[in-house]
Amino acid sequence: MPELHNLRHERFCQEYVRGPHAGNATSAYEAAGFKRHKSQASRLANAPHIVARVTELRAAMAQALAQATDDAIAHTGLTIERLIGEMEEARQLAMKNGQSSAAVGAVIAKAKIAGLWIEKREPANKYAELTDEQLEQRIRELDAMLESG
């Protein structure tokens, strides 16, 4: 799909896809030269020709990013195999020098590169996912423990 004939609609799409207004229809609407109007911005963002153009622009951005990544990898010769090889060299050197923690770090880095290492993340608040009933039960248990001792 070529650029839209309506220049402000095209500018809206461009602003909505990239830059400081990306993803914010109201902000992109204003940046395109329209007066602030939240419902009109939403209506324009959902218009079929706008949705099609935004989809096209996003696809072009994704393709450009993929190409840039491929170019960077080709330019540097960076591969997963090369990175794992370098980590193995680091591990061997660490073991030779008696630096077991550095060797373990190299093994972990190799596992991460290969996609075999998954970081486990605990929720910041271990009680955040409990229902009210579960929280009340936990409070009763803690009260009982305090009373007994």
C-alpha atoms as a PDB file:
ATOM      1  CA  MET A   1       0.000   0.000   0.000  1.00  0.00           C
ATOM      2  CA  PRO A   2       1.554   3.336  -0.988  1.00  0.00           C
ATOM      3  CA  GLU A   3       1.473   6.424   1.188  1.00  0.00           C
ATOM      4  CA  LEU A   4      -2.013   7.664   1.934  1.00  0.00           C
ATOM      5  CA  HIS A   5      -3.334  10.507  -0.226  1.00  0.00           C
ATOM      6  CA  ASN A   6      -4.490  12.417   2.833  1.00  0.00           C
ATOM      7  CA  LEU A   7      -1.214  13.817   4.161  1.00  0.00           C
ATOM      8  CA  ARG A   8      -2.462  14.220   7.724  1.00  0.00           C
ATOM      9  CA  HIS A   9      -3.684  10.608   7.749  1.00  0.00           C
ATOM     10  CA  GLU A  10      -0.273   9.475   6.495  1.00  0.00           C
ATOM     11  CA  ARG A  11       1.461  11.590   9.131  1.00  0.00           C
ATOM     12  CA  PHE A  12      -0.860  10.135  11.786  1.00  0.00           C
ATOM     13  CA  CYS A  13       0.177   6.619  10.724  1.00  0.00           C
ATOM     14  CA  GLN A  14       3.870   7.534  10.763  1.00  0.00           C
ATOM     15  CA  GLU A  15       3.586   9.154  14.199  1.00  0.00           C
ATOM     16  CA  TYR A  16       1.506   6.264  15.549  1.00  0.00           C
ATOM     17  CA  VAL A  17       4.093   3.707  14.475  1.00  0.00           C
ATOM     18  CA  ARG A  18       7.378   5.319  15.480  1.00  0.00           C
ATOM     19  CA  GLY A  19       8.853   8.043  17.607  1.00  0.00           C
ATOM     20  CA  PRO A  20       7.612   9.627  20.804  1.00  0.00           C
ATOM     21  CA  HIS A  21       3.936   9.232  19.864  1.00  0.00           C
ATOM     22  CA  ALA A  22       4.113   5.524  18.983  1.00  0.00           C
ATOM     23  CA  GLY A  23       1.107   3.573  20.178  1.00  0.00           C
ATOM     24  CA  ASN A  24      -0.706   6.659  21.484  1.00  0.00           C
ATOM     25  CA  ALA A  25      -3.527   7.554  19.093  1.00  0.00           C
ATOM     26  CA  THR A  26      -4.365  10.868  20.769  1.00  0.00           C
ATOM     27  CA  SER A  27      -0.755  12.038  20.781  1.00  0.00           C
ATOM     28  CA  ALA A  28      -0.195  10.901  17.181  1.00  0.00           C
ATOM     29  CA  TYR A  29      -3.446  12.618  16.187  1.00  0.00           C
ATOM     30  CA  GLU A  30      -2.191  15.924  17.540  1.00  0.00           C
ATOM     31  CA  ALA A  31       1.282  15.457  16.046  1.00  0.00           C
ATOM     32  CA  ALA A  32      -0.370  14.947  12.651  1.00  0.00           C
ATOM     33  CA  GLY A  33      -1.927  18.400  12.918  1.00  0.00           C
ATOM     34  CA  PHE A  34      -5.377  17.610  14.235  1.00  0.00           C
ATOM     35  CA  LYS A  35      -6.900  19.384  17.230  1.00  0.00           C
ATOM     36  CA  ARG A  36      -6.924  17.317  20.423  1.00  0.00           C
ATOM     37  CA  HIS A  37      -9.984  15.076  20.406  1.00  0.00           C
ATOM     38  CA  LYS A  38      -9.648  11.679  22.043  1.00  0.00           C
ATOM     39  CA  SER A  39     -12.672   9.999  20.457  1.00  0.00           C
ATOM     40  CA  GLN A  40     -11.781  11.266  16.981  1.00  0.00           C
ATOM     41  CA  ALA A  41      -8.224  10.007  17.423  1.00  0.00           C
ATOM     42  CA  SER A  42      -9.540   6.583  18.380  1.00  0.00           C
ATOM     43  CA  ARG A  43     -11.997   6.601  15.481  1.00  0.00           C
ATOM     44  CA  LEU A  44      -9.220   7.468  13.018  1.00  0.00           C
ATOM     45  CA  ALA A  45      -6.889   4.831  14.475  1.00  0.00           C
ATOM     46  CA  ASN A  46      -9.554   2.170  13.869  1.00  0.00           C
ATOM     47  CA  ALA A  47     -10.438   3.238  10.321  1.00  0.00           C
ATOM     48  CA  PRO A  48      -9.707   0.369   7.901  1.00  0.00           C
ATOM     49  CA  HIS A  49      -7.323   2.346   5.680  1.00  0.00           C
ATOM     50  CA  ILE A  50      -5.392   3.526   8.756  1.00  0.00           C
ATOM     51  CA  VAL A  51      -5.199   0.019  10.233  1.00  0.00           C
ATOM     52  CA  ALA A  52      -3.919  -1.297   6.892  1.00  0.00           C
ATOM     53  CA  ARG A  53      -1.280   1.438   6.605  1.00  0.00           C
ATOM     54  CA  VAL A  54      -0.128   1.047  10.222  1.00  0.00           C
ATOM     55  CA  THR A  55       0.158  -2.717   9.705  1.00  0.00           C
ATOM     56  CA  GLU A  56       2.200  -2.114   6.559  1.00  0.00           C
ATOM     57  CA  LEU A  57       4.517   0.365   8.309  1.00  0.00           C
ATOM     58  CA  ARG A  58       5.057  -1.991  11.237  1.00  0.00           C
ATOM     59  CA  ALA A  59       5.847  -4.868   8.887  1.00  0.00           C
ATOM     60  CA  ALA A  60       8.355  -2.677   7.044  1.00  0.00           C
ATOM     61  CA  MET A  61       9.971  -1.699  10.362  1.00  0.00           C
ATOM     62  CA  ALA A  62      10.192  -5.344  11.440  1.00  0.00           C
ATOM     63  CA  GLN A  63      11.737  -6.309   8.115  1.00  0.00           C
ATOM     64  CA  ALA A  64      14.257  -3.454   8.343  1.00  0.00           C
ATOM     65  CA  LEU A  65      15.190  -4.480  11.885  1.00  0.00           C
ATOM     66  CA  ALA A  66      15.629  -8.113  10.861  1.00  0.00           C
ATOM     67  CA  GLN A  67      17.802  -7.064   7.930  1.00  0.00           C
ATOM     68  CA  ALA A  68      19.905  -4.783  10.127  1.00  0.00           C
ATOM     69  CA  THR A  69      20.363  -7.616  12.624  1.00  0.00           C
ATOM     70  CA  ASP A  70      21.349 -10.039   9.855  1.00  0.00           C
ATOM     71  CA  ASP A  71      23.787  -7.471   8.457  1.00  0.00           C
ATOM     72  CA  ALA A  72      25.349  -6.891  11.869  1.00  0.00           C
ATOM     73  CA  ILE A  73      25.731 -10.613  12.454  1.00  0.00           C
ATOM     74  CA  ALA A  74      27.277 -11.094   9.009  1.00  0.00           C
ATOM     75  CA  HIS A  75      29.608  -8.133   9.544  1.00  0.00           C
ATOM     76  CA  THR A  76      30.881  -9.353  12.913  1.00  0.00           C
ATOM     77  CA  GLY A  77      30.792 -13.074  12.137  1.00  0.00           C
ATOM     78  CA  LEU A  78      28.836 -13.519  15.342  1.00  0.00           C
ATOM     79  CA  THR A  79      27.187 -16.904  15.675  1.00  0.00           C
ATOM     80  CA  ILE A  80      25.870 -18.950  18.553  1.00  0.00           C
ATOM     81  CA  GLU A  81      28.563 -21.540  17.862  1.00  0.00           C
ATOM     82  CA  ARG A  82      31.282 -18.884  18.035  1.00  0.00           C
ATOM     83  CA  LEU A  83      29.949 -17.464  21.299  1.00  0.00           C
ATOM     84  CA  ILE A  84      29.722 -20.897  22.875  1.00  0.00           C
ATOM     85  CA  GLY A  85      33.277 -21.631  21.693  1.00  0.00           C
ATOM     86  CA  GLU A  86      34.531 -18.418  23.287  1.00  0.00           C
ATOM     87  CA  MET A  87      32.758 -19.258  26.541  1.00  0.00           C
ATOM     88  CA  GLU A  88      34.324 -22.731  26.472  1.00  0.00           C
ATOM     89  CA  GLU A  89      37.767 -21.149  26.073  1.00  0.00           C
ATOM     90  CA  ALA A  90      37.020 -18.873  29.019  1.00  0.00           C
ATOM     91  CA  ARG A  91      35.853 -21.860  31.087  1.00  0.00           C
ATOM     92  CA  GLN A  92      39.009 -23.820  30.318  1.00  0.00           C
ATOM     93  CA  LEU A  93      41.223 -20.846  31.191  1.00  0.00           C
ATOM     94  CA  ALA A  94      39.329 -20.310  34.436  1.00  0.00           C
ATOM     95  CA  MET A  95      39.722 -23.964  35.407  1.00  0.00           C
ATOM     96  CA  LYS A  96      43.441 -23.859  34.532  1.00  0.00           C
ATOM     97  CA  ASN A  97      43.843 -20.842  36.829  1.00  0.00           C
ATOM     98  CA  GLY A  98      41.811 -22.399  39.648  1.00  0.00           C
ATOM     99  CA  GLN A  99      38.932 -19.921  39.258  1.00  0.00           C
ATOM    100  CA  SER A 100      36.000 -22.251  39.675  1.00  0.00           C
ATOM    101  CA  SER A 101      33.407 -19.497  40.055  1.00  0.00           C
ATOM    102  CA  ALA A 102      34.521 -17.949  36.747  1.00  0.00           C
ATOM    103  CA  ALA A 103      34.295 -21.395  35.152  1.00  0.00           C
ATOM    104  CA  VAL A 104      30.758 -21.814  36.462  1.00  0.00           C
ATOM    105  CA  GLY A 105      29.909 -18.369  35.071  1.00  0.00           C
ATOM    106  CA  ALA A 106      31.185 -19.447  31.655  1.00  0.00           C
ATOM    107  CA  VAL A 107      29.074 -22.619  31.777  1.00  0.00           C
ATOM    108  CA  ILE A 108      26.006 -20.561  32.690  1.00  0.00           C
ATOM    109  CA  ALA A 109      26.747 -18.131  29.838  1.00  0.00           C
ATOM    110  CA  LYS A 110      26.995 -21.044  27.404  1.00  0.00           C
ATOM    111  CA  ALA A 111      23.662 -22.415  28.621  1.00  0.00           C
ATOM    112  CA  LYS A 112      22.011 -18.996  28.244  1.00  0.00           C
ATOM    113  CA  ILE A 113      23.367 -18.579  24.715  1.00  0.00           C
ATOM    114  CA  ALA A 114      22.067 -22.018  23.786  1.00  0.00           C
ATOM    115  CA  GLY A 115      18.657 -21.194  25.284  1.00  0.00           C
ATOM    116  CA  LEU A 116      18.973 -23.886  27.935  1.00  0.00           C
ATOM    117  CA  TRP A 117      19.138 -21.581  30.962  1.00  0.00           C
ATOM    118  CA  ILE A 118      15.894 -20.040  32.150  1.00  0.00           C
ATOM    119  CA  GLU A 119      15.950 -17.462  34.915  1.00  0.00           C
ATOM    120  CA  LYS A 120      13.350 -18.143  37.557  1.00  0.00           C
ATOM    121  CA  ARG A 121      11.718 -14.968  38.769  1.00  0.00           C
ATOM    122  CA  GLU A 122       9.751 -14.850  41.976  1.00  0.00           C
ATOM    123  CA  PRO A 123       6.935 -12.328  42.253  1.00  0.00           C
ATOM    124  CA  ALA A 124       7.949  -9.249  44.251  1.00  0.00           C
ATOM    125  CA  ASN A 125       5.143  -9.968  46.698  1.00  0.00           C
ATOM    126  CA  LYS A 126       4.583 -13.666  47.319  1.00  0.00           C
ATOM    127  CA  TYR A 127       1.101 -12.934  48.627  1.00  0.00           C
ATOM    128  CA  ALA A 128      -0.004 -10.861  45.611  1.00  0.00           C
ATOM    129  CA  GLU A 129      -1.554 -13.821  43.803  1.00  0.00           C
ATOM    130  CA  LEU A 130      -3.486 -15.192  46.771  1.00  0.00           C
ATOM    131  CA  THR A 131      -7.246 -14.822  46.989  1.00  0.00           C
ATOM    132  CA  ASP A 132      -8.833 -12.993  49.923  1.00  0.00           C
ATOM    133  CA  GLU A 133      -9.818 -16.320  51.453  1.00  0.00           C
ATOM    134  CA  GLN A 134      -6.257 -17.646  51.153  1.00  0.00           C
ATOM    135  CA  LEU A 135      -4.886 -14.467  52.755  1.00  0.00           C
ATOM    136  CA  GLU A 136      -7.372 -14.712  55.616  1.00  0.00           C
ATOM    137  CA  GLN A 137      -6.376 -18.372  56.147  1.00  0.00           C
ATOM    138  CA  ARG A 138      -2.690 -17.405  56.203  1.00  0.00           C
ATOM    139  CA  ILE A 139      -3.408 -14.661  58.784  1.00  0.00           C
ATOM    140  CA  ARG A 140      -5.266 -17.172  60.991  1.00  0.00           C
ATOM    141  CA  GLU A 141      -2.307 -19.565  60.747  1.00  0.00           C
ATOM    142  CA  LEU A 142       0.158 -16.827  61.706  1.00  0.00           C
ATOM    143  CA  ASP A 143      -2.077 -15.707  64.617  1.00  0.00           C
ATOM    144  CA  ALA A 144      -2.205 -19.303  65.861  1.00  0.00           C
ATOM    145  CA  MET A 145       1.564 -19.607  65.691  1.00  0.00           C
ATOM    146  CA  LEU A 146       2.037 -16.356  67.626  1.00  0.00           C
ATOM    147  CA  GLU A 147      -0.438 -17.415  70.312  1.00  0.00           C
ATOM    148  CA  SER A 148       1.190 -20.817  70.769  1.00  0.00           C
ATOM    149  CA  GLY A 149       4.503 -19.474  71.060  1.00  0.00           C
END
